[in-house]
């Protein structure tokens, strides 16, 4: 049995799973097992509690407003404190789209209803209203603050505009697409080893370097042994070409 083990918590897999977000967990599992790393996935839904030190990596995907509303109260009541403790301790967290919005300070929906967020990220999201254009399309962004530049590709579709606080660090800088709000050139947010992003697609299968970065952080390793990423790199390059044609 391998001495290396990755414990993953997948939050609300049935409610928060749009545009193939579940594929991010599948990619993590596959990349671990191809390296002989034992991996366990706990699916936690409404009513399930989360222990702050029980997992090495936490993932939550996106959803439409009605499902975000269903998840919001349960997230705060059953998982919020543990998520905050885990983030402060350096646990790896990946929050996509709707999860990203709920992990901020608050989310104002198109209806004007305000959902209280976890406050894990120093950001907030506001929807301009039902008549406003959605931010839709392919995205290319460069990871911010890393010595070795990682290019991220993905697909965004969100009505909310997210704004970062003064102490927030963006995940990436937009090269093509809208990103957080279509104005300031930022995409996503990072707090320690917690990451928020609008990128669907799924994100990690098309961005193997970023997937490996998350796995290495979760395992406390500086470098992972390489894999044959011919298919993943082809998907990444195809996304770059598609974005270039639509630019």
Protein backbone atom coordinates (compact mmCIF):
# COMPACT_ATOMS: atom_id res chain seq x y z
CA UNK A 1 0.00 0.00 0.00
CA UNK A 2 1.22 3.49 -0.85
CA UNK A 3 2.40 5.69 2.01
CA UNK A 4 1.13 8.75 0.15
CA UNK A 5 -2.56 9.43 0.60
CA UNK A 6 -4.83 12.27 -0.48
CA UNK A 7 -8.15 12.79 1.26
CA UNK A 8 -10.66 14.83 -0.77
CA UNK A 9 -13.97 16.31 0.40
CA UNK A 10 -16.42 16.96 -2.44
CA UNK A 11 -19.10 19.35 -1.18
CA UNK A 12 -22.67 19.17 -2.52
CA UNK A 13 -21.81 17.05 -5.58
CA UNK A 14 -25.47 16.72 -6.62
CA UNK A 15 -26.48 20.36 -6.14
CA UNK A 16 -23.29 22.18 -7.13
CA UNK A 17 -22.24 20.48 -10.35
CA UNK A 18 -22.70 22.53 -13.51
CA UNK A 19 -20.67 22.42 -16.76
CA UNK A 20 -18.95 19.22 -15.69
CA UNK A 21 -17.46 20.53 -12.43
CA UNK A 22 -17.39 16.96 -11.06
CA UNK A 23 -14.69 16.32 -13.66
CA UNK A 24 -12.26 18.26 -11.47
CA UNK A 25 -12.49 15.61 -8.76
CA UNK A 26 -12.21 12.82 -11.33
CA UNK A 27 -9.04 14.45 -12.69
CA UNK A 28 -7.50 14.71 -9.23
CA UNK A 29 -8.29 11.06 -8.48
CA UNK A 30 -6.86 9.86 -11.78
CA UNK A 31 -3.67 11.90 -11.49
CA UNK A 32 -3.08 10.61 -7.98
CA UNK A 33 -3.72 6.95 -8.82
CA UNK A 34 -1.48 7.13 -11.88
CA UNK A 35 1.31 8.03 -9.45
CA UNK A 36 0.47 5.31 -6.97
CA UNK A 37 -1.00 7.80 -4.48
CA UNK A 38 -3.92 6.46 -2.46
CA UNK A 39 -6.91 8.77 -2.74
CA UNK A 40 -10.22 8.87 -0.88
CA UNK A 41 -13.23 11.01 -1.81
CA UNK A 42 -15.94 11.87 0.72
CA UNK A 43 -19.10 13.33 -0.80
CA UNK A 44 -20.76 15.67 1.68
CA UNK A 45 -24.26 16.97 1.07
CA UNK A 46 -26.86 18.95 3.02
CA UNK A 47 -26.77 18.14 6.72
CA UNK A 48 -23.35 16.48 6.60
CA UNK A 49 -20.72 18.06 8.82
CA UNK A 50 -17.12 18.74 7.87
CA UNK A 51 -14.17 18.35 10.21
CA UNK A 52 -11.50 20.99 9.67
CA UNK A 53 -8.60 18.51 9.73
CA UNK A 54 -10.22 15.50 8.06
CA UNK A 55 -9.21 16.27 4.46
CA UNK A 56 -6.20 17.45 2.51
CA UNK A 57 -8.23 19.01 -0.31
CA UNK A 58 -11.78 20.38 -0.49
CA UNK A 59 -13.71 20.94 -3.73
CA UNK A 60 -17.05 22.60 -4.43
CA UNK A 61 -18.50 23.38 -7.85
CA UNK A 62 -21.00 25.83 -9.29
CA UNK A 63 -24.77 25.94 -9.73
CA UNK A 64 -27.64 28.20 -10.69
CA UNK A 65 -29.06 30.70 -8.19
CA UNK A 66 -31.85 28.42 -6.97
CA UNK A 67 -29.40 25.72 -5.92
CA UNK A 68 -26.98 28.25 -4.43
CA UNK A 69 -29.88 29.44 -2.29
CA UNK A 70 -30.55 25.89 -1.10
CA UNK A 71 -26.89 25.36 -0.26
CA UNK A 72 -26.16 28.74 1.33
CA UNK A 73 -27.75 28.22 4.75
CA UNK A 74 -26.52 24.65 5.10
CA UNK A 75 -23.00 25.69 4.11
CA UNK A 76 -22.89 28.32 6.83
CA UNK A 77 -24.44 26.06 9.48
CA UNK A 78 -22.73 22.72 8.93
CA UNK A 79 -19.46 23.39 7.13
CA UNK A 80 -18.55 27.09 7.32
CA UNK A 81 -16.52 27.20 10.55
CA UNK A 82 -14.56 24.09 9.61
CA UNK A 83 -13.84 25.45 6.13
CA UNK A 84 -12.49 28.67 7.59
CA UNK A 85 -10.30 26.75 10.03
CA UNK A 86 -9.05 24.52 7.24
CA UNK A 87 -8.24 27.48 4.98
CA UNK A 88 -6.34 29.23 7.76
CA UNK A 89 -4.37 26.02 8.38
CA UNK A 90 -3.33 25.82 4.72
CA UNK A 91 -5.69 23.12 3.48
CA UNK A 92 -6.11 23.19 -0.29
CA UNK A 93 -9.57 24.39 -1.33
CA UNK A 94 -10.89 24.84 -4.87
CA UNK A 95 -14.19 26.71 -5.23
CA UNK A 96 -15.66 27.09 -8.72
CA UNK A 97 -18.19 29.73 -9.80
CA UNK A 98 -21.18 29.46 -7.42
CA UNK A 99 -18.95 28.07 -4.68
CA UNK A 100 -16.51 30.93 -5.26
CA UNK A 101 -19.36 33.41 -4.82
CA UNK A 102 -20.62 31.75 -1.61
CA UNK A 103 -17.10 31.63 -0.14
CA UNK A 104 -16.87 35.43 -0.37
CA UNK A 105 -18.51 37.94 1.97
CA UNK A 106 -21.90 38.02 0.23
CA UNK A 107 -23.67 37.37 -3.05
CA UNK A 108 -26.44 39.61 -4.34
CA UNK A 109 -28.54 37.61 -6.82
CA UNK A 110 -30.30 38.99 -9.90
CA UNK A 111 -33.52 39.22 -7.85
CA UNK A 112 -31.81 41.52 -5.35
CA UNK A 113 -31.78 38.84 -2.65
CA UNK A 114 -28.56 38.87 -0.66
CA UNK A 115 -27.00 35.59 0.43
CA UNK A 116 -24.53 35.74 3.30
CA UNK A 117 -21.19 34.20 2.39
CA UNK A 118 -18.56 32.43 4.44
CA UNK A 119 -16.15 35.36 4.28
CA UNK A 120 -13.34 32.92 3.55
CA UNK A 121 -12.30 35.13 0.62
CA UNK A 122 -12.02 38.93 0.84
CA UNK A 123 -14.42 39.51 -2.02
CA UNK A 124 -18.10 40.04 -2.76
CA UNK A 125 -20.37 39.42 -5.74
CA UNK A 126 -23.23 41.50 -7.09
CA UNK A 127 -25.55 40.70 -10.00
CA UNK A 128 -26.51 43.89 -11.92
CA UNK A 129 -30.02 42.53 -12.51
CA UNK A 130 -31.96 40.27 -14.86
CA UNK A 131 -31.56 42.63 -17.84
CA UNK A 132 -27.75 42.72 -17.58
CA UNK A 133 -25.60 40.72 -19.98
CA UNK A 134 -24.04 37.57 -18.63
CA UNK A 135 -20.26 37.17 -18.81
CA UNK A 136 -19.96 34.18 -21.12
CA UNK A 137 -17.14 32.70 -23.16
CA UNK A 138 -13.75 31.08 -23.18
CA UNK A 139 -11.05 32.43 -20.89
CA UNK A 140 -7.28 32.46 -20.99
CA UNK A 141 -5.55 33.74 -17.87
CA UNK A 142 -2.05 33.71 -16.42
CA UNK A 143 -1.66 32.47 -12.87
CA UNK A 144 -0.63 35.36 -10.63
CA UNK A 145 2.31 35.36 -8.24
CA UNK A 146 3.97 32.12 -9.34
CA UNK A 147 7.64 31.76 -10.29
CA UNK A 148 6.77 29.35 -13.11
CA UNK A 149 3.96 30.87 -15.14
CA UNK A 150 0.91 28.63 -15.54
CA UNK A 151 -1.65 29.47 -18.19
CA UNK A 152 -5.25 28.60 -17.33
CA UNK A 153 -7.95 27.92 -19.90
CA UNK A 154 -11.64 27.46 -19.19
CA UNK A 155 -15.21 28.51 -19.84
CA UNK A 156 -17.13 31.13 -17.86
CA UNK A 157 -20.87 31.82 -17.64
CA UNK A 158 -21.88 34.06 -14.77
CA UNK A 159 -24.16 37.02 -14.22
CA UNK A 160 -22.56 38.10 -10.94
CA UNK A 161 -19.63 40.49 -10.89
CA UNK A 162 -17.03 39.70 -8.23
CA UNK A 163 -14.85 42.41 -6.71
CA UNK A 164 -11.74 41.76 -4.64
CA UNK A 165 -11.03 43.53 -1.37
CA UNK A 166 -7.81 45.44 -0.71
CA UNK A 167 -6.18 42.42 0.94
CA UNK A 168 -7.23 39.90 -1.71
CA UNK A 169 -4.85 38.35 -4.20
CA UNK A 170 -6.25 37.41 -7.63
CA UNK A 171 -5.78 33.86 -8.78
CA UNK A 172 -4.89 34.96 -12.31
CA UNK A 173 -4.72 37.88 -14.75
CA UNK A 174 -7.07 37.71 -17.72
CA UNK A 175 -5.53 37.53 -21.17
CA UNK A 176 -8.80 36.84 -22.95
CA UNK A 177 -12.31 36.77 -21.51
CA UNK A 178 -14.10 38.59 -18.70
CA UNK A 179 -12.87 37.08 -15.43
CA UNK A 180 -14.22 38.39 -12.15
CA UNK A 181 -16.13 41.39 -13.45
CA UNK A 182 -15.07 42.22 -17.00
CA UNK A 183 -13.38 45.45 -15.88
CA UNK A 184 -10.26 45.04 -13.74
CA UNK A 185 -8.56 42.13 -15.54
CA UNK A 186 -8.61 39.77 -12.56
CA UNK A 187 -9.80 36.16 -12.50
CA UNK A 188 -10.55 34.36 -9.29
CA UNK A 189 -8.95 34.82 -5.90
CA UNK A 190 -6.37 33.12 -3.72
CA UNK A 191 -6.07 33.00 0.06
CA UNK A 192 -3.18 30.83 1.25
CA UNK A 193 -3.95 27.49 -0.43
CA UNK A 194 -7.62 28.28 -1.06
CA UNK A 195 -8.57 29.19 -4.62
CA UNK A 196 -11.75 30.63 -6.10
CA UNK A 197 -12.37 30.77 -9.85
CA UNK A 198 -15.08 31.19 -12.48
CA UNK A 199 -13.50 28.65 -14.81
CA UNK A 200 -15.57 25.62 -15.78
CA UNK A 201 -14.82 23.26 -18.53
CA UNK A 202 -13.85 21.15 -16.46
CA UNK A 203 -10.94 23.24 -15.28
CA UNK A 204 -8.41 20.66 -14.08
CA UNK A 205 -8.48 18.12 -16.96
CA UNK A 206 -7.53 20.93 -19.37
CA UNK A 207 -4.98 22.43 -16.99
CA UNK A 208 -2.81 19.55 -15.72
CA UNK A 209 -0.09 21.86 -14.40
CA UNK A 210 -2.60 23.57 -12.11
CA UNK A 211 -4.06 20.22 -11.05
CA UNK A 212 -0.59 19.02 -10.08
CA UNK A 213 0.06 22.26 -8.23
CA UNK A 214 -3.02 21.58 -6.06
CA UNK A 215 -2.03 17.96 -5.45
CA UNK A 216 1.52 18.92 -4.50
CA UNK A 217 0.29 21.59 -2.09
CA UNK A 218 -2.15 19.14 -0.52
CA UNK A 219 0.58 16.50 -0.06
CA UNK A 220 3.15 19.02 1.14
CA UNK A 221 5.47 18.19 -1.74
CA UNK A 222 7.40 20.59 -3.94
CA UNK A 223 7.36 18.50 -7.10
CA UNK A 224 5.45 15.51 -8.46
CA UNK A 225 6.73 12.89 -10.84
CA UNK A 226 5.63 13.69 -14.41
CA UNK A 227 2.77 11.93 -16.20
CA UNK A 228 2.03 11.37 -19.85
CA UNK A 229 -0.19 14.41 -20.45
CA UNK A 230 -0.45 14.20 -24.22
CA UNK A 231 -4.27 14.18 -24.16
CA UNK A 232 -4.53 16.85 -21.47
CA UNK A 233 -2.07 19.14 -23.23
CA UNK A 234 -3.92 18.66 -26.52
CA UNK A 235 -7.15 19.75 -24.83
CA UNK A 236 -5.35 22.75 -23.35
CA UNK A 237 -3.94 23.79 -26.73
CA UNK A 238 -7.32 23.29 -28.40
CA UNK A 239 -8.89 25.64 -25.87
CA UNK A 240 -6.18 28.22 -26.58
CA UNK A 241 -6.81 28.00 -30.32
CA UNK A 242 -10.58 28.28 -29.86
CA UNK A 243 -10.21 31.35 -27.70
CA UNK A 244 -7.86 32.94 -30.25
CA UNK A 245 -10.38 32.48 -33.05
CA UNK A 246 -13.20 34.05 -31.01
CA UNK A 247 -11.17 36.85 -29.59
